[in-house]
Structure formats: structure tokens, C-alpha cells
Amino acid sequence: MSKKELRLLQKRITQAKIPKKTRSNFRLLTWNIRNFHGRKEDKAMSYIAKIIKKFDVIAIQEVKDDLGGIEKLQRLLGKKYKFLFSDPAGNGERLVFCYDSKRIQFTGLAAEIVMAPGQGNGTVPPALEFARTPYMASFRRNGCNFILATVHIYYGSGSKVKHRLTEIENIAEFLEKRSGDTDSLDSDYIACGDFNIERIRAKIRKKKKKDPLDGLFAALQSKGLIVPEIIQNSRSNLTQTRHFDQIAYHQYEDTTVSFVDGGIIDFVGAVYRGDKKLRYKLTDHLPMWAVFETTKDENPKYINP
């Protein structure tokens, strides 16, 4: 681990201008950490921990079946950070939530998202299921319940982009339905993760044939999910040319969660300087963050007080 690189990384974190922690806000980070397993070298783990410590709740994608990486991260973060993780799904990947238990409370709901529960008994029409099952969990801050859903959408190129599009449509439809369910724990849903969205605006094409990549971002917003402009403008691959990662939420009259600010932390050139294997040793995604302000729920379902 390089002390100089740690200082440079801290400078990049400062340059991101992340709002300070307050009694009523929470700071969310979503990060696809490539092949996150127990073989990540100690230097990479130190850089990951330094970034994660700045946030209250963190969604991590591409955690492998081997939980050794989470064990290492737990030791670096300390006991106040707790973890929730899904069972491995497609490509042997888990989805993980990490949260600072001094600032965020886990309220009890943790579930993988499927599109057609009950399909196995033959009475439910078949539906395209996710290659890597999305994961959601409920949390509380300042007397405000909210639910995070994290995804790693199937990539697929060429003709397989249609599968990617359908997964995005499905998660948007699921969140619209759940956020409008009066029996739900809460209506404030925030979606985050690697949506594998190449671009957010359609390219002007002279040819009549449409590029399916142009429809991915529209699919995310198709059921009322709001993606703040600053998030839209935050490209999250290492060269900052793609909009792979997103943070989106629903807004209602009685919502108790409101978006404050967001962006990315650009660590390129600060760590693993001159190392062409940065994307393999650390990751190929920049961490994306958002800060939300909360107000207390008027009639909360107060479970696990």
C-alpha cells in the first residue's frame, strides 16, 4: 500500500464534494467491484475500504461466491459495519449491502427479486427472470424507512441486448408495483447498481434501423423512476464514456426521502498509478454516490425498533 496513493485518493474523494453527514441524511454508494473475492490484494482492499468508510450504506455488485473479499473488508471497516448478501446467482455473483450500523438500521426485509413467484406450480404465466437476481433490503434513518434495490443487469451484446432491455423493463415495472403497494413496508424505493446502460441519449441515425442500446435508459425511466440529471451526467466506466451505473428513485406527495446531490469518485491516476492492470487489480467501474435527506414517516410500519 502506497501512502502517497492514499493521499491522492483522499484528494479525489474531497474533490467529489460529497455533502457532510448530518442527523437526517444518509450517504449512499453503489459500486461494481470487479471479481470481488478473497484473492483481491491487500492494497486494493485498503483503497476500497477508504472510499466505503465515507458512506452510510453501500451496494456492491459482482461479489463472487467466495466471500473472502467481504471478510477482508469487514476487518478493515470494523464491527460497526454490517453486511447483507444474496446467494450466488448468474456468473457465480452475489449482491451485497454494507451499512454503518451506528447511522443506519436494518429493519428486517431482505429479499431477492423474481418476476414470477409461484411459476413453478404451473399456475403463473412464465416470465423472463434475471440472470443475476436483484437484491433489496429495507433500512431506517431518522425515523424514515426506505428500501434499496441493487442490480447487476445482464450485459449481452448484439442480439442479446434485447435481454438486457427486458431486464431493465422488468426491474422498473417491479419497483413501480411495489412502491404503490399500501401493504409494503414503505413506498420509498431507491434503485442502484450496474444497469449496463451504454448511453442515456439516443444517437441520431440516418439509417431507419434503430440501435437497441438507445432504448436502455428510457426503459429505466419508463415506470416513473427518476434519475437526477447529475447522475445522468456521471459516467462510471474508467474512461468516463459510458453510463453503466445509475441511481434512481420514486417520488410521491408523501415521500420522506429526497435527493440532495450525487456523482462519482474518480480514482484513475490516483491509485495503481501507471499500472495497466488497474481494472483487474481494483475494478473497472468508478464508485457512484448519492446523498438523500430524510424526514420521519408519519405512520411508519415500525418493525425491529
Protein backbone atom coordinates (compact mmCIF):
# COMPACT_ATOMS: atom_id res chain seq x y z
CA MET A 1 0.00 0.00 0.00
CA SER A 2 1.34 3.40 -1.00
CA LYS A 3 0.90 6.28 1.45
CA LYS A 4 1.25 8.70 -1.44
CA GLU A 5 -1.54 6.99 -3.35
CA LEU A 6 -3.74 7.02 -0.24
CA ARG A 7 -3.22 10.79 0.00
CA LEU A 8 -4.04 11.20 -3.68
CA LEU A 9 -7.16 9.08 -3.26
CA GLN A 10 -8.26 11.21 -0.31
CA LYS A 11 -7.79 14.28 -2.51
CA ARG A 12 -10.06 12.75 -5.16
CA ILE A 13 -12.69 11.95 -2.54
CA THR A 14 -12.54 15.56 -1.35
CA GLN A 15 -12.82 16.81 -4.93
CA ALA A 16 -16.07 14.86 -5.31
CA LYS A 17 -17.65 17.38 -2.87
CA ILE A 18 -19.78 14.84 -1.04
CA PRO A 19 -22.11 16.63 1.43
CA LYS A 20 -21.26 16.11 5.08
CA LYS A 21 -23.09 13.62 7.27
CA THR A 22 -26.00 15.12 9.21
CA ARG A 23 -28.58 13.77 11.64
CA SER A 24 -31.18 13.48 8.91
CA ASN A 25 -29.32 12.46 5.75
CA PHE A 26 -27.74 9.27 4.50
CA ARG A 27 -24.90 8.87 2.04
CA LEU A 28 -25.33 6.04 -0.46
CA LEU A 29 -22.59 4.44 -2.56
CA THR A 30 -23.06 1.94 -5.36
CA TRP A 31 -20.00 0.18 -6.77
CA ASN A 32 -19.36 -2.69 -9.13
CA ILE A 33 -16.09 -4.09 -7.77
CA ARG A 34 -14.82 -6.41 -10.44
CA ASN A 35 -14.37 -10.04 -9.31
CA PHE A 36 -14.59 -9.14 -5.63
CA HIS A 37 -13.25 -12.21 -3.85
CA GLY A 38 -10.70 -13.27 -1.26
CA ARG A 39 -7.82 -13.01 -3.71
CA LYS A 40 -8.06 -9.23 -4.02
CA GLU A 41 -4.67 -7.96 -2.95
CA ASP A 42 -4.32 -6.02 0.29
CA LYS A 43 -3.51 -2.75 -1.48
CA ALA A 44 -6.78 -2.86 -3.43
CA MET A 45 -8.72 -3.71 -0.28
CA SER A 46 -7.23 -0.70 1.53
CA TYR A 47 -8.33 1.65 -1.27
CA ILE A 48 -11.81 0.11 -1.36
CA ALA A 49 -12.20 0.47 2.41
CA LYS A 50 -11.03 4.10 2.36
CA ILE A 51 -13.81 5.00 -0.07
CA ILE A 52 -16.52 2.91 1.59
CA LYS A 53 -15.84 4.45 5.03
CA LYS A 54 -17.13 7.77 3.71
CA PHE A 55 -20.65 6.35 3.29
CA ASP A 56 -23.53 5.11 5.41
CA VAL A 57 -24.91 2.41 3.15
CA ILE A 58 -23.14 0.75 0.24
CA ALA A 59 -24.40 -1.51 -2.53
CA ILE A 60 -21.70 -3.73 -4.03
CA GLN A 61 -22.09 -5.69 -7.25
CA GLU A 62 -20.04 -8.56 -8.67
CA VAL A 63 -19.16 -10.14 -5.34
CA LYS A 64 -18.16 -13.70 -6.11
CA ASP A 65 -19.35 -16.91 -4.47
CA ASP A 66 -16.14 -16.80 -2.41
CA LEU A 67 -16.92 -14.45 0.49
CA GLY A 68 -13.24 -13.92 1.34
CA GLY A 69 -13.33 -10.38 -0.05
CA ILE A 70 -16.19 -9.45 2.28
CA GLU A 71 -14.30 -10.97 5.21
CA LYS A 72 -11.24 -8.84 4.42
CA LEU A 73 -13.38 -5.74 4.01
CA GLN A 74 -15.16 -6.39 7.32
CA ARG A 75 -11.82 -6.45 9.15
CA LEU A 76 -10.76 -3.17 7.56
CA LEU A 77 -14.06 -1.39 8.21
CA GLY A 78 -14.60 -2.59 11.76
CA LYS A 79 -17.53 -4.15 13.60
CA LYS A 80 -19.91 -1.22 13.20
CA TYR A 81 -20.22 -2.05 9.50
CA LYS A 82 -22.68 -4.89 8.86
CA PHE A 83 -23.29 -6.90 5.71
CA LEU A 84 -26.30 -8.41 3.94
CA PHE A 85 -25.66 -10.57 0.91
CA SER A 86 -27.59 -12.63 -1.59
CA ASP A 87 -26.95 -16.21 -2.57
CA PRO A 88 -24.81 -16.51 -5.72
CA ALA A 89 -26.79 -16.36 -8.97
CA GLY A 90 -25.68 -15.94 -12.59
CA ASN A 91 -21.93 -15.99 -13.17
CA GLY A 92 -21.49 -17.04 -9.52
CA GLU A 93 -22.16 -13.45 -8.38
CA ARG A 94 -23.70 -12.12 -5.19
CA LEU A 95 -25.14 -8.69 -4.49
CA VAL A 96 -24.19 -7.10 -1.18
CA PHE A 97 -25.34 -4.31 1.11
CA CYS A 98 -22.90 -2.91 3.65
CA TYR A 99 -24.08 -0.36 6.20
CA ASP A 100 -22.81 1.66 9.13
CA SER A 101 -24.96 0.34 11.98
CA LYS A 102 -24.29 3.49 14.01
CA ARG A 103 -26.17 5.57 11.44
CA ILE A 104 -28.37 3.11 9.55
CA GLN A 105 -30.69 0.43 10.93
CA PHE A 106 -31.64 -2.71 9.02
CA THR A 107 -35.39 -3.12 9.52
CA GLY A 108 -35.82 -6.75 8.52
CA LEU A 109 -36.68 -7.04 4.83
CA ALA A 110 -34.02 -8.68 2.66
CA ALA A 111 -35.08 -10.49 -0.50
CA GLU A 112 -34.05 -11.46 -3.99
CA ILE A 113 -36.35 -10.14 -6.71
CA VAL A 114 -38.06 -12.58 -9.09
CA MET A 115 -40.61 -11.67 -11.74
CA ALA A 116 -42.98 -14.64 -11.46
CA PRO A 117 -43.04 -16.15 -7.95
CA GLY A 118 -45.20 -19.27 -7.98
CA GLN A 119 -44.31 -20.05 -11.59
CA GLY A 120 -43.06 -23.48 -10.55
CA ASN A 121 -46.55 -24.82 -9.79
CA GLY A 122 -47.70 -24.13 -13.32
CA THR A 123 -50.42 -21.60 -12.45
CA VAL A 124 -48.36 -18.47 -13.07
CA PRO A 125 -47.51 -17.44 -16.65
CA PRO A 126 -43.78 -17.78 -17.43
CA ALA A 127 -41.70 -14.61 -17.30
CA LEU A 128 -38.15 -13.77 -18.18
CA GLU A 129 -36.16 -13.99 -14.96
CA PHE A 130 -32.99 -12.08 -14.18
CA ALA A 131 -29.66 -13.67 -15.00
CA ARG A 132 -28.33 -12.19 -11.73
CA THR A 133 -31.19 -11.86 -9.30
CA PRO A 134 -31.60 -8.28 -7.99
CA TYR A 135 -31.45 -7.87 -4.22
CA MET A 136 -33.37 -5.50 -1.99
CA ALA A 137 -33.27 -4.61 1.69
CA SER A 138 -35.04 -2.16 3.98
CA PHE A 139 -33.31 0.36 6.20
CA ARG A 140 -34.21 3.15 8.61
CA ARG A 141 -32.63 6.54 9.17
CA ASN A 142 -34.03 9.38 11.29
CA GLY A 143 -37.35 7.51 11.77
CA CYS A 144 -37.64 7.16 7.99
CA ASN A 145 -37.94 3.75 6.35
CA PHE A 146 -36.62 3.27 2.82
CA ILE A 147 -35.88 0.28 0.61
CA LEU A 148 -32.81 -0.14 -1.57
CA ALA A 149 -32.79 -2.41 -4.59
CA THR A 150 -29.48 -3.18 -6.25
CA VAL A 151 -28.93 -4.81 -9.63
CA HIS A 152 -26.29 -6.12 -11.97
CA ILE A 153 -28.19 -6.22 -15.25
CA TYR A 154 -27.24 -8.84 -17.84
CA TYR A 155 -24.84 -7.38 -20.40
CA GLY A 156 -25.25 -9.22 -23.67
CA SER A 157 -24.20 -7.66 -26.95
CA GLY A 158 -25.64 -7.85 -30.44
CA SER A 159 -28.96 -9.69 -30.49
CA LYS A 160 -28.68 -10.31 -26.74
CA VAL A 161 -29.16 -6.61 -25.97
CA LYS A 162 -32.89 -7.38 -26.06
CA HIS A 163 -32.44 -9.50 -22.93
CA ARG A 164 -30.67 -6.58 -21.26
CA LEU A 165 -33.54 -4.27 -22.22
CA THR A 166 -36.14 -6.69 -20.86
CA GLU A 167 -34.34 -6.97 -17.51
CA ILE A 168 -34.31 -3.18 -17.15
CA GLU A 169 -38.01 -3.01 -18.08
CA ASN A 170 -38.75 -5.72 -15.53
CA ILE A 171 -37.00 -4.06 -12.62
CA ALA A 172 -38.71 -0.73 -13.45
CA GLU A 173 -42.10 -2.48 -13.53
CA PHE A 174 -41.42 -4.36 -10.29
CA LEU A 175 -40.42 -1.21 -8.39
CA GLU A 176 -43.44 0.71 -9.67
CA LYS A 177 -45.75 -2.05 -8.43
CA ARG A 178 -44.06 -2.43 -5.04
CA SER A 179 -43.79 1.27 -4.33
CA GLY A 180 -47.54 1.60 -4.88
CA ASP A 181 -48.41 -1.31 -2.59
CA THR A 182 -50.06 0.01 0.58
CA ASP A 183 -49.17 -3.20 2.41
CA SER A 184 -45.49 -2.72 1.66
CA LEU A 185 -43.07 -1.75 4.41
CA ASP A 186 -42.57 1.63 2.75
CA SER A 187 -43.12 3.35 -0.60
CA ASP A 188 -39.67 4.94 -0.82
CA TYR A 189 -37.67 2.70 -3.14
CA ILE A 190 -34.21 3.59 -4.43
CA ALA A 191 -32.69 1.52 -7.24
CA CYS A 192 -28.95 1.48 -7.75
CA GLY A 193 -26.24 -0.59 -9.34
CA ASP A 194 -24.81 -1.63 -12.67
CA PHE A 195 -27.59 -1.29 -15.23
CA ASN A 196 -25.16 -1.77 -18.14
CA ILE A 197 -26.56 1.31 -19.87
CA GLU A 198 -24.20 2.44 -22.62
CA ARG A 199 -25.65 5.90 -23.16
CA ILE A 200 -28.56 7.97 -21.92
CA ARG A 201 -29.45 9.81 -25.11
CA ALA A 202 -30.29 8.22 -28.43
CA LYS A 203 -27.87 8.80 -31.26
CA ILE A 204 -29.21 10.49 -34.38
CA ARG A 205 -29.09 7.89 -37.13
CA LYS A 206 -29.61 8.31 -40.84
CA LYS A 207 -30.50 4.66 -41.22
CA LYS A 208 -34.02 3.59 -40.29
CA LYS A 209 -32.83 0.66 -38.18
CA LYS A 210 -32.81 1.58 -34.52
CA ASP A 211 -29.96 0.70 -32.19
CA PRO A 212 -31.42 -1.21 -29.19
CA LEU A 213 -28.81 0.43 -26.97
CA ASP A 214 -30.69 3.70 -27.43
CA GLY A 215 -33.68 2.31 -25.54
CA LEU A 216 -31.97 1.16 -22.35
CA PHE A 217 -32.10 4.40 -20.40
CA ALA A 218 -35.67 5.11 -21.49
CA ALA A 219 -36.62 1.66 -20.20
CA LEU A 220 -35.22 2.54 -16.76
CA GLN A 221 -37.40 5.66 -16.63
CA SER A 222 -40.44 4.04 -18.23
CA LYS A 223 -42.31 3.41 -14.96
CA GLY A 224 -41.69 6.64 -13.12
CA LEU A 225 -38.18 6.13 -11.77
CA ILE A 226 -36.38 9.45 -11.51
CA VAL A 227 -32.69 9.69 -12.37
CA PRO A 228 -31.32 13.09 -11.30
CA GLU A 229 -29.53 15.00 -14.04
CA ILE A 230 -26.26 15.00 -12.12
CA ILE A 231 -26.40 11.20 -12.01
CA GLN A 232 -27.27 11.08 -15.70
CA ASN A 233 -24.17 13.14 -16.40
CA SER A 234 -21.90 10.94 -14.25
CA ARG A 235 -20.25 8.33 -16.44
CA SER A 236 -18.92 5.44 -14.42
CA ASN A 237 -16.51 3.43 -16.55
CA LEU A 238 -12.82 4.20 -16.09
CA THR A 239 -12.62 6.38 -19.20
CA GLN A 240 -15.93 8.08 -18.31
CA THR A 241 -17.57 7.35 -21.65
CA ARG A 242 -20.39 5.01 -20.51
CA HIS A 243 -23.38 5.37 -18.17
CA PHE A 244 -23.28 1.83 -16.81
CA ASP A 245 -24.18 2.69 -13.21
CA GLN A 246 -27.29 4.56 -12.14
CA ILE A 247 -29.19 5.69 -9.04
CA ALA A 248 -32.95 6.18 -9.42
CA TYR A 249 -35.93 6.64 -7.12
CA HIS A 250 -39.70 7.18 -7.00
CA GLN A 251 -41.17 10.43 -5.71
CA TYR A 252 -44.63 10.81 -4.19
CA GLU A 253 -46.57 13.52 -2.37
CA ASP A 254 -45.96 11.81 0.95
CA THR A 255 -42.39 10.72 0.27
CA THR A 256 -39.97 11.08 3.16
CA VAL A 257 -36.77 10.73 1.13
CA SER A 258 -35.43 13.45 -1.15
CA PHE A 259 -32.34 13.56 -3.36
CA VAL A 260 -29.67 16.13 -2.46
CA ASP A 261 -26.62 15.54 -4.64
CA GLY A 262 -24.61 12.84 -6.36
CA GLY A 263 -21.72 11.96 -8.63
CA ILE A 264 -18.73 9.66 -9.00
CA ILE A 265 -15.32 9.36 -7.34
CA ASP A 266 -12.62 9.31 -10.00
CA PHE A 267 -9.67 7.33 -8.64
CA VAL A 268 -7.93 6.90 -12.04
CA GLY A 269 -4.43 8.35 -11.83
CA ALA A 270 -4.51 8.43 -8.03
CA VAL A 271 -4.09 4.72 -7.28
CA TYR A 272 -2.27 1.98 -9.17
CA ARG A 273 -0.52 4.80 -10.99
CA GLY A 274 0.96 3.65 -14.27
CA ASP A 275 -0.36 0.13 -13.76
CA LYS A 276 -2.17 -1.05 -16.89
CA LYS A 277 -3.92 -3.75 -14.87
CA LEU A 278 -5.88 -1.28 -12.72
CA ARG A 279 -9.21 -2.62 -13.99
CA TYR A 280 -8.28 -6.14 -12.92
CA LYS A 281 -6.48 -5.41 -9.67
CA LEU A 282 -9.01 -2.87 -8.36
CA THR A 283 -12.08 -2.61 -10.61
CA ASP A 284 -13.30 -1.31 -13.95
CA HIS A 285 -16.10 0.85 -12.50
CA LEU A 286 -15.91 4.16 -10.68
CA PRO A 287 -17.95 4.30 -7.46
CA MET A 288 -21.15 6.33 -7.76
CA TRP A 289 -22.70 8.15 -4.81
CA ALA A 290 -25.84 9.99 -3.82
CA VAL A 291 -26.94 11.82 -0.68
CA PHE A 292 -30.58 11.73 0.41
CA GLU A 293 -32.34 13.83 3.04
CA THR A 294 -34.95 12.14 5.22
CA THR A 295 -37.96 13.21 7.25
CA LYS A 296 -39.73 10.98 9.77
CA ASP A 297 -42.55 8.79 8.48
CA GLU A 298 -45.93 9.94 9.80
CA ASN A 299 -47.42 6.43 10.01
CA PRO A 300 -44.45 4.07 9.81
CA LYS A 301 -44.55 0.32 9.95
CA TYR A 302 -42.19 0.27 12.89
CA ILE A 303 -40.64 -3.19 12.88
CA ASN A 304 -37.44 -4.03 14.75
CA PRO A 305 -37.33 -0.74 16.72
